[in-house]
PDB file of all heavy atoms in Angstrom:
ATOM      1  N   GLY A   1       0.803  -1.221   0.000  1.00  0.00           N
ATOM      2  CA  GLY A   1       0.000   0.000   0.000  1.00  0.00           C
ATOM      3  C   GLY A   1       0.832   1.266   0.000  1.00  0.00           C
ATOM      4  O   GLY A   1       0.289   2.366  -0.008  1.00  0.00           O
ATOM      5  N   LEU A   2       2.165   1.137   0.021  1.00  0.00           N
ATOM      6  CA  LEU A   2       3.040   2.309   0.017  1.00  0.00           C
ATOM      7  C   LEU A   2       3.032   2.977  -1.352  1.00  0.00           C
ATOM      8  O   LEU A   2       2.633   2.391  -2.359  1.00  0.00           O
ATOM      9  CB  LEU A   2       4.455   1.904   0.404  1.00  0.00           C
ATOM     10  CG  LEU A   2       4.631   1.451   1.854  1.00  0.00           C
ATOM     11  CD1 LEU A   2       5.955   0.721   2.037  1.00  0.00           C
ATOM     12  CD2 LEU A   2       4.537   2.629   2.811  1.00  0.00           C
ATOM     13  N   ALA A   3       3.473   4.228  -1.382  1.00  0.00           N
ATOM     14  CA  ALA A   3       3.443   5.016  -2.613  1.00  0.00           C
ATOM     15  C   ALA A   3       4.623   4.668  -3.504  1.00  0.00           C
ATOM     16  O   ALA A   3       5.760   4.558  -3.036  1.00  0.00           O
ATOM     17  CB  ALA A   3       3.463   6.504  -2.279  1.00  0.00           C
ATOM     18  N   ARG A   4       4.355   4.542  -4.776  1.00  0.00           N
ATOM     19  CA  ARG A   4       5.440   4.353  -5.731  1.00  0.00           C
ATOM     20  C   ARG A   4       6.248   5.636  -5.842  1.00  0.00           C
ATOM     21  O   ARG A   4       5.723   6.740  -5.663  1.00  0.00           O
ATOM     22  CB  ARG A   4       4.884   3.961  -7.093  1.00  0.00           C
ATOM     23  CG  ARG A   4       4.083   2.659  -7.046  1.00  0.00           C
ATOM     24  CD  ARG A   4       3.671   2.215  -8.428  1.00  0.00           C
ATOM     25  NE  ARG A   4       2.802   1.055  -8.384  1.00  0.00           N
ATOM     26  CZ  ARG A   4       3.201  -0.201  -8.246  1.00  0.00           C
ATOM     27  NH1 ARG A   4       4.499  -0.458  -8.133  1.00  0.00           N
ATOM     28  NH2 ARG A   4       2.341  -1.199  -8.227  1.00  0.00           N
ATOM     29  N   ASP A   5       7.520   5.473  -6.135  1.00  0.00           N
ATOM     30  CA  ASP A   5       8.381   6.641  -6.303  1.00  0.00           C
ATOM     31  C   ASP A   5       7.920   7.483  -7.481  1.00  0.00           C
ATOM     32  O   ASP A   5       7.831   8.703  -7.383  1.00  0.00           O
ATOM     33  CB  ASP A   5       9.825   6.193  -6.518  1.00  0.00           C
ATOM     34  CG  ASP A   5      10.765   7.355  -6.738  1.00  0.00           C
ATOM     35  OD1 ASP A   5      10.845   8.225  -5.851  1.00  0.00           O
ATOM     36  OD2 ASP A   5      11.418   7.399  -7.799  1.00  0.00           O
ATOM     37  N   ARG A   6       7.638   6.833  -8.608  1.00  0.00           N
ATOM     38  CA  ARG A   6       7.080   7.508  -9.771  1.00  0.00           C
ATOM     39  C   ARG A   6       6.290   6.497 -10.592  1.00  0.00           C
ATOM     40  O   ARG A   6       6.390   5.294 -10.381  1.00  0.00           O
ATOM     41  CB  ARG A   6       8.158   8.187 -10.614  1.00  0.00           C
ATOM     42  CG  ARG A   6       9.160   7.276 -11.288  1.00  0.00           C
ATOM     43  CD  ARG A   6      10.006   8.039 -12.314  1.00  0.00           C
ATOM     44  NE  ARG A   6      10.749   9.146 -11.725  1.00  0.00           N
ATOM     45  CZ  ARG A   6      10.792  10.380 -12.253  1.00  0.00           C
ATOM     46  NH1 ARG A   6      10.130  10.650 -13.356  1.00  0.00           N
ATOM     47  NH2 ARG A   6      11.519  11.327 -11.683  1.00  0.00           N
ATOM     48  N   LEU A   7       5.519   7.021 -11.524  1.00  0.00           N
ATOM     49  CA  LEU A   7       4.598   6.184 -12.271  1.00  0.00           C
ATOM     50  C   LEU A   7       4.466   6.738 -13.678  1.00  0.00           C
ATOM     51  O   LEU A   7       4.308   7.949 -13.864  1.00  0.00           O
ATOM     52  CB  LEU A   7       3.234   6.183 -11.570  1.00  0.00           C
ATOM     53  CG  LEU A   7       2.098   5.363 -12.166  1.00  0.00           C
ATOM     54  CD1 LEU A   7       2.398   3.869 -12.041  1.00  0.00           C
ATOM     55  CD2 LEU A   7       0.796   5.698 -11.425  1.00  0.00           C
ATOM     56  N   THR A   8       4.554   5.852 -14.668  1.00  0.00           N
ATOM     57  CA  THR A   8       4.230   6.188 -16.042  1.00  0.00           C
ATOM     58  C   THR A   8       3.062   5.303 -16.452  1.00  0.00           C
ATOM     59  O   THR A   8       3.202   4.071 -16.496  1.00  0.00           O
ATOM     60  CB  THR A   8       5.427   5.937 -16.983  1.00  0.00           C
ATOM     61  OG1 THR A   8       6.561   6.643 -16.499  1.00  0.00           O
ATOM     62  CG2 THR A   8       5.108   6.414 -18.393  1.00  0.00           C
ATOM     63  N   ILE A   9       1.909   5.918 -16.690  1.00  0.00           N
ATOM     64  CA  ILE A   9       0.721   5.140 -17.020  1.00  0.00           C
ATOM     65  C   ILE A   9       0.986   4.331 -18.288  1.00  0.00           C
ATOM     66  O   ILE A   9       1.468   4.843 -19.293  1.00  0.00           O
ATOM     67  CB  ILE A   9      -0.498   6.056 -17.215  1.00  0.00           C
ATOM     68  CG1 ILE A   9      -0.769   6.870 -15.938  1.00  0.00           C
ATOM     69  CG2 ILE A   9      -1.736   5.237 -17.590  1.00  0.00           C
ATOM     70  CD1 ILE A   9      -1.104   6.052 -14.723  1.00  0.00           C
ATOM     71  N   GLY A  10       0.665   3.046 -18.233  1.00  0.00           N
ATOM     72  CA  GLY A  10       0.849   2.178 -19.390  1.00  0.00           C
ATOM     73  C   GLY A  10       2.167   1.446 -19.406  1.00  0.00           C
ATOM     74  O   GLY A  10       2.324   0.466 -20.139  1.00  0.00           O
ATOM     75  N   ALA A  11       3.133   1.913 -18.615  1.00  0.00           N
ATOM     76  CA  ALA A  11       4.431   1.246 -18.537  1.00  0.00           C
ATOM     77  C   ALA A  11       4.423   0.237 -17.387  1.00  0.00           C
ATOM     78  O   ALA A  11       3.706   0.416 -16.404  1.00  0.00           O
ATOM     79  CB  ALA A  11       5.540   2.268 -18.332  1.00  0.00           C
ATOM     80  N   PRO A  12       5.210  -0.821 -17.470  1.00  0.00           N
ATOM     81  CA  PRO A  12       5.262  -1.794 -16.370  1.00  0.00           C
ATOM     82  C   PRO A  12       5.701  -1.122 -15.069  1.00  0.00           C
ATOM     83  O   PRO A  12       6.636  -0.319 -15.053  1.00  0.00           O
ATOM     84  CB  PRO A  12       6.307  -2.809 -16.845  1.00  0.00           C
ATOM     85  CG  PRO A  12       6.371  -2.634 -18.332  1.00  0.00           C
ATOM     86  CD  PRO A  12       6.096  -1.193 -18.595  1.00  0.00           C
ATOM     87  N   ALA A  13       5.022  -1.436 -13.984  1.00  0.00           N
ATOM     88  CA  ALA A  13       5.368  -0.881 -12.677  1.00  0.00           C
ATOM     89  C   ALA A  13       6.319  -1.826 -11.963  1.00  0.00           C
ATOM     90  O   ALA A  13       6.178  -3.050 -12.033  1.00  0.00           O
ATOM     91  CB  ALA A  13       4.109  -0.669 -11.842  1.00  0.00           C
ATOM     92  N   ASP A  14       7.308  -1.245 -11.272  1.00  0.00           N
ATOM     93  CA  ASP A  14       8.230  -2.071 -10.504  1.00  0.00           C
ATOM     94  C   ASP A  14       7.812  -2.064  -9.035  1.00  0.00           C
ATOM     95  O   ASP A  14       6.746  -1.552  -8.676  1.00  0.00           O
ATOM     96  CB  ASP A  14       9.676  -1.603 -10.685  1.00  0.00           C
ATOM     97  CG  ASP A  14       9.885  -0.147 -10.278  1.00  0.00           C
ATOM     98  OD1 ASP A  14       9.077   0.380  -9.462  1.00  0.00           O
ATOM     99  OD2 ASP A  14      10.849   0.478 -10.759  1.00  0.00           O
ATOM    100  N   ASP A  15       8.654  -2.630  -8.189  1.00  0.00           N
ATOM    101  CA  ASP A  15       8.319  -2.755  -6.764  1.00  0.00           C
ATOM    102  C   ASP A  15       8.894  -1.618  -5.919  1.00  0.00           C
ATOM    103  O   ASP A  15       8.786  -1.653  -4.689  1.00  0.00           O
ATOM    104  CB  ASP A  15       8.838  -4.091  -6.215  1.00  0.00           C
ATOM    105  CG  ASP A  15       7.915  -5.254  -6.556  1.00  0.00           C
ATOM    106  OD1 ASP A  15       6.693  -5.065  -6.493  1.00  0.00           O
ATOM    107  OD2 ASP A  15       8.434  -6.340  -6.888  1.00  0.00           O
ATOM    108  N   ARG A  16       9.504  -0.628  -6.547  1.00  0.00           N
ATOM    109  CA  ARG A  16      10.141   0.441  -5.780  1.00  0.00           C
ATOM    110  C   ARG A  16       9.101   1.402  -5.204  1.00  0.00           C
ATOM    111  O   ARG A  16       8.302   1.967  -5.927  1.00  0.00           O
ATOM    112  CB  ARG A  16      11.125   1.206  -6.664  1.00  0.00           C
ATOM    113  CG  ARG A  16      11.940   2.239  -5.896  1.00  0.00           C
ATOM    114  CD  ARG A  16      12.987   2.866  -6.795  1.00  0.00           C
ATOM    115  NE  ARG A  16      12.397   3.731  -7.815  1.00  0.00           N
ATOM    116  CZ  ARG A  16      13.075   4.254  -8.820  1.00  0.00           C
ATOM    117  NH1 ARG A  16      14.362   3.978  -8.971  1.00  0.00           N
ATOM    118  NH2 ARG A  16      12.471   5.025  -9.699  1.00  0.00           N
ATOM    119  N   VAL A  17       9.135   1.556  -3.884  1.00  0.00           N
ATOM    120  CA  VAL A  17       8.251   2.516  -3.212  1.00  0.00           C
ATOM    121  C   VAL A  17       9.108   3.535  -2.477  1.00  0.00           C
ATOM    122  O   VAL A  17      10.269   3.282  -2.135  1.00  0.00           O
ATOM    123  CB  VAL A  17       7.280   1.815  -2.238  1.00  0.00           C
ATOM    124  CG1 VAL A  17       6.313   0.919  -2.993  1.00  0.00           C
ATOM    125  CG2 VAL A  17       8.035   1.010  -1.187  1.00  0.00           C
ATOM    126  N   ALA A  18       8.525   4.708  -2.258  1.00  0.00           N
ATOM    127  CA  ALA A  18       9.248   5.832  -1.668  1.00  0.00           C
ATOM    128  C   ALA A  18       8.691   6.121  -0.280  1.00  0.00           C
ATOM    129  O   ALA A  18       7.482   6.308  -0.117  1.00  0.00           O
ATOM    130  CB  ALA A  18       9.130   7.064  -2.557  1.00  0.00           C
ATOM    131  N   ILE A  19       9.577   6.185   0.703  1.00  0.00           N
ATOM    132  CA  ILE A  19       9.154   6.352   2.095  1.00  0.00           C
ATOM    133  C   ILE A  19       8.550   7.742   2.341  1.00  0.00           C
ATOM    134  O   ILE A  19       7.474   7.876   2.923  1.00  0.00           O
ATOM    135  CB  ILE A  19      10.342   6.080   3.034  1.00  0.00           C
ATOM    136  CG1 ILE A  19      10.655   4.582   3.052  1.00  0.00           C
ATOM    137  CG2 ILE A  19      10.051   6.575   4.449  1.00  0.00           C
ATOM    138  CD1 ILE A  19       9.506   3.716   3.552  1.00  0.00           C
ATOM    139  N   GLY A  20       9.223   8.799   1.905  1.00  0.00           N
ATOM    140  CA  GLY A  20       8.694  10.145   2.132  1.00  0.00           C
ATOM    141  C   GLY A  20       7.377  10.360   1.426  1.00  0.00           C
ATOM    142  O   GLY A  20       6.416  10.905   2.004  1.00  0.00           O
ATOM    143  N   ALA A  21       7.279   9.939   0.168  1.00  0.00           N
ATOM    144  CA  ALA A  21       6.033  10.090  -0.583  1.00  0.00           C
ATOM    145  C   ALA A  21       4.902   9.292   0.056  1.00  0.00           C
ATOM    146  O   ALA A  21       3.731   9.671  -0.043  1.00  0.00           O
ATOM    147  CB  ALA A  21       6.243   9.653  -2.023  1.00  0.00           C
ATOM    148  N   SER A  22       5.238   8.195   0.724  1.00  0.00           N
ATOM    149  CA  SER A  22       4.204   7.395   1.390  1.00  0.00           C
ATOM    150  C   SER A  22       3.589   8.136   2.573  1.00  0.00           C
ATOM    151  O   SER A  22       2.398   7.990   2.855  1.00  0.00           O
ATOM    152  CB  SER A  22       4.792   6.055   1.839  1.00  0.00           C
ATOM    153  OG  SER A  22       5.188   5.282   0.716  1.00  0.00           O
ATOM    154  N   GLY A  23       4.405   8.929   3.271  1.00  0.00           N
ATOM    155  CA  GLY A  23       3.837   9.774   4.317  1.00  0.00           C
ATOM    156  C   GLY A  23       2.886  10.803   3.753  1.00  0.00           C
ATOM    157  O   GLY A  23       1.806  11.066   4.307  1.00  0.00           O
ATOM    158  N   MET A  24       3.276  11.407   2.619  1.00  0.00           N
ATOM    159  CA  MET A  24       2.402  12.385   1.967  1.00  0.00           C
ATOM    160  C   MET A  24       1.149  11.717   1.433  1.00  0.00           C
ATOM    161  O   MET A  24       0.051  12.285   1.488  1.00  0.00           O
ATOM    162  CB  MET A  24       3.175  13.081   0.854  1.00  0.00           C
ATOM    163  CG  MET A  24       4.381  13.862   1.359  1.00  0.00           C
ATOM    164  SD  MET A  24       5.338  14.584   0.007  1.00  0.00           S
ATOM    165  CE  MET A  24       6.761  15.231   0.924  1.00  0.00           C
TER     166      MET A  24
END
């Protein structure tokens, strides 16, 4: 449920999540 670091719609998503962005 954590926030992804960045996202490109339509592109494959990886497992990288960002701690600071998850707080936001």
